Amino acid sequence: MEKNNNQINEIQVELTEDVAQGTYANLAIIAHSSSEFILDFIRVVPGVPKAKVKSRVILTPDNAKRLLFALQDNLTKFEQQQAENVTDYIPPIGGIKGEA
């Protein structure tokens, strides 16, 4: 019997409750060696001179390239959605002031 080479391999991904909450980062530092890319995600707080790395992700060059393409694709889709939702209304700065 010949095996079907067109079968799609499925991976079941489990997302725990802790990880699902996410980790906020507003700075990323990227470094690389000949065999890996290192992405450090950092939370910088204004007025605090020290910032800690909140998460580190280590990728192979192939997976770093896949991440790059996935980010490009998602940013393009995001920008298209934003362009479709543009309106002429610009909200006032500081909210609407009431008068008595």
C-alpha atoms as a PDB file:
ATOM      1  CA  MET A   1       0.000   0.000   0.000  1.00  0.00           C
ATOM      2  CA  GLU A   2       1.280   3.451  -0.890  1.00  0.00           C
ATOM      3  CA  LYS A   3       1.133   6.144   1.767  1.00  0.00           C
ATOM      4  CA  ASN A   4      -0.509   9.437   0.920  1.00  0.00           C
ATOM      5  CA  ASN A   5       2.332  12.024   0.878  1.00  0.00           C
ATOM      6  CA  ASN A   6      -0.178  14.870   0.639  1.00  0.00           C
ATOM      7  CA  GLN A   7      -1.388  14.354   4.193  1.00  0.00           C
ATOM      8  CA  ILE A   8      -1.306  17.481   6.334  1.00  0.00           C
ATOM      9  CA  ASN A   9       0.350  17.038   9.716  1.00  0.00           C
ATOM     10  CA  GLU A  10      -1.684  18.677  12.445  1.00  0.00           C
ATOM     11  CA  ILE A  11      -0.195  19.952  15.673  1.00  0.00           C
ATOM     12  CA  GLN A  12      -2.409  20.514  18.656  1.00  0.00           C
ATOM     13  CA  VAL A  13      -1.243  23.622  20.490  1.00  0.00           C
ATOM     14  CA  GLU A  14      -2.063  24.020  24.163  1.00  0.00           C
ATOM     15  CA  LEU A  15      -2.289  27.500  25.630  1.00  0.00           C
ATOM     16  CA  THR A  16      -2.146  27.551  29.419  1.00  0.00           C
ATOM     17  CA  GLU A  17      -4.029  30.221  31.358  1.00  0.00           C
ATOM     18  CA  ASP A  18      -0.766  31.903  32.540  1.00  0.00           C
ATOM     19  CA  VAL A  19       0.608  32.190  29.015  1.00  0.00           C
ATOM     20  CA  ALA A  20      -2.769  33.270  27.605  1.00  0.00           C
ATOM     21  CA  GLN A  21      -2.587  36.397  29.789  1.00  0.00           C
ATOM     22  CA  GLY A  22       0.456  37.494  27.790  1.00  0.00           C
ATOM     23  CA  THR A  23       3.403  39.641  28.784  1.00  0.00           C
ATOM     24  CA  TYR A  24       3.434  43.320  27.848  1.00  0.00           C
ATOM     25  CA  ALA A  25       6.635  44.558  26.212  1.00  0.00           C
ATOM     26  CA  ASN A  26       7.352  47.929  24.617  1.00  0.00           C
ATOM     27  CA  LEU A  27      10.929  47.240  23.526  1.00  0.00           C
ATOM     28  CA  ALA A  28      12.571  44.344  21.715  1.00  0.00           C
ATOM     29  CA  ILE A  29      16.285  43.730  21.315  1.00  0.00           C
ATOM     30  CA  ILE A  30      17.371  41.283  18.634  1.00  0.00           C
ATOM     31  CA  ALA A  31      20.769  39.587  18.456  1.00  0.00           C
ATOM     32  CA  HIS A  32      22.039  36.673  16.391  1.00  0.00           C
ATOM     33  CA  SER A  33      24.838  34.180  16.057  1.00  0.00           C
ATOM     34  CA  SER A  34      25.630  31.870  13.159  1.00  0.00           C
ATOM     35  CA  SER A  35      22.976  29.398  14.313  1.00  0.00           C
ATOM     36  CA  GLU A  36      20.262  31.312  16.182  1.00  0.00           C
ATOM     37  CA  PHE A  37      18.334  34.550  16.598  1.00  0.00           C
ATOM     38  CA  ILE A  38      17.622  35.820  20.095  1.00  0.00           C
ATOM     39  CA  LEU A  39      14.651  38.104  20.726  1.00  0.00           C
ATOM     40  CA  ASP A  40      14.520  39.773  24.137  1.00  0.00           C
ATOM     41  CA  PHE A  41      11.226  41.455  25.013  1.00  0.00           C
ATOM     42  CA  ILE A  42      11.491  44.223  27.594  1.00  0.00           C
ATOM     43  CA  ARG A  43       9.073  46.456  29.486  1.00  0.00           C
ATOM     44  CA  VAL A  44      10.430  49.987  29.861  1.00  0.00           C
ATOM     45  CA  VAL A  45       8.676  52.187  32.415  1.00  0.00           C
ATOM     46  CA  PRO A  46       9.114  55.985  32.096  1.00  0.00           C
ATOM     47  CA  GLY A  47      11.218  57.458  34.882  1.00  0.00           C
ATOM     48  CA  VAL A  48      12.693  54.088  35.893  1.00  0.00           C
ATOM     49  CA  PRO A  49      16.367  53.810  34.895  1.00  0.00           C
ATOM     50  CA  LYS A  50      16.409  49.998  34.808  1.00  0.00           C
ATOM     51  CA  ALA A  51      14.354  47.650  32.617  1.00  0.00           C
ATOM     52  CA  LYS A  52      14.131  43.882  32.877  1.00  0.00           C
ATOM     53  CA  VAL A  53      13.859  41.349  30.098  1.00  0.00           C
ATOM     54  CA  LYS A  54      10.368  39.884  30.478  1.00  0.00           C
ATOM     55  CA  SER A  55      10.709  37.155  27.873  1.00  0.00           C
ATOM     56  CA  ARG A  56      13.401  35.673  25.639  1.00  0.00           C
ATOM     57  CA  VAL A  57      12.698  33.707  22.477  1.00  0.00           C
ATOM     58  CA  ILE A  58      15.457  31.821  20.669  1.00  0.00           C
ATOM     59  CA  LEU A  59      14.837  30.878  17.024  1.00  0.00           C
ATOM     60  CA  THR A  60      16.698  29.144  14.237  1.00  0.00           C
ATOM     61  CA  PRO A  61      17.401  31.385  11.210  1.00  0.00           C
ATOM     62  CA  ASP A  62      14.698  29.522   9.235  1.00  0.00           C
ATOM     63  CA  ASN A  63      12.110  30.118  11.938  1.00  0.00           C
ATOM     64  CA  ALA A  64      13.195  33.761  12.307  1.00  0.00           C
ATOM     65  CA  LYS A  65      12.493  34.192   8.592  1.00  0.00           C
ATOM     66  CA  ARG A  66       9.085  32.526   8.992  1.00  0.00           C
ATOM     67  CA  LEU A  67       8.332  34.911  11.866  1.00  0.00           C
ATOM     68  CA  LEU A  68       9.359  37.880   9.703  1.00  0.00           C
ATOM     69  CA  PHE A  69       7.009  36.789   6.892  1.00  0.00           C
ATOM     70  CA  ALA A  70       4.149  36.139   9.338  1.00  0.00           C
ATOM     71  CA  LEU A  71       4.607  39.596  10.918  1.00  0.00           C
ATOM     72  CA  GLN A  72       4.701  41.255   7.489  1.00  0.00           C
ATOM     73  CA  ASP A  73       1.520  39.459   6.458  1.00  0.00           C
ATOM     74  CA  ASN A  74      -0.301  40.384   9.667  1.00  0.00           C
ATOM     75  CA  LEU A  75       0.823  44.027   9.527  1.00  0.00           C
ATOM     76  CA  THR A  76      -0.410  44.300   5.942  1.00  0.00           C
ATOM     77  CA  LYS A  77      -3.809  42.877   6.944  1.00  0.00           C
ATOM     78  CA  PHE A  78      -3.957  45.203   9.975  1.00  0.00           C
ATOM     79  CA  GLU A  79      -3.177  48.267   7.843  1.00  0.00           C
ATOM     80  CA  GLN A  80      -5.829  47.258   5.289  1.00  0.00           C
ATOM     81  CA  GLN A  81      -8.417  46.957   8.071  1.00  0.00           C
ATOM     82  CA  GLN A  82      -7.417  50.367   9.451  1.00  0.00           C
ATOM     83  CA  ALA A  83      -7.724  51.958   6.001  1.00  0.00           C
ATOM     84  CA  GLU A  84     -11.230  50.501   5.602  1.00  0.00           C
ATOM     85  CA  ASN A  85     -12.314  51.908   8.990  1.00  0.00           C
ATOM     86  CA  VAL A  86     -11.130  55.481   8.415  1.00  0.00           C
ATOM     87  CA  THR A  87     -13.730  58.158   9.115  1.00  0.00           C
ATOM     88  CA  ASP A  88     -13.666  61.929   8.890  1.00  0.00           C
ATOM     89  CA  TYR A  89     -14.502  62.313  12.597  1.00  0.00           C
ATOM     90  CA  ILE A  90     -11.570  63.358  14.772  1.00  0.00           C
ATOM     91  CA  PRO A  91     -12.355  63.243  18.493  1.00  0.00           C
ATOM     92  CA  PRO A  92     -11.458  66.334  20.545  1.00  0.00           C
ATOM     93  CA  ILE A  93      -8.305  66.272  22.630  1.00  0.00           C
ATOM     94  CA  GLY A  94      -9.121  65.875  26.306  1.00  0.00           C
ATOM     95  CA  GLY A  95     -12.731  64.918  25.733  1.00  0.00           C
ATOM     96  CA  ILE A  96     -15.815  67.042  25.315  1.00  0.00           C
ATOM     97  CA  LYS A  97     -16.149  69.979  27.721  1.00  0.00           C
ATOM     98  CA  GLY A  98     -19.563  70.572  29.205  1.00  0.00           C
ATOM     99  CA  GLU A  99     -21.036  73.972  29.912  1.00  0.00           C
ATOM    100  CA  ALA A 100     -23.323  74.894  32.800  1.00  0.00           C
END
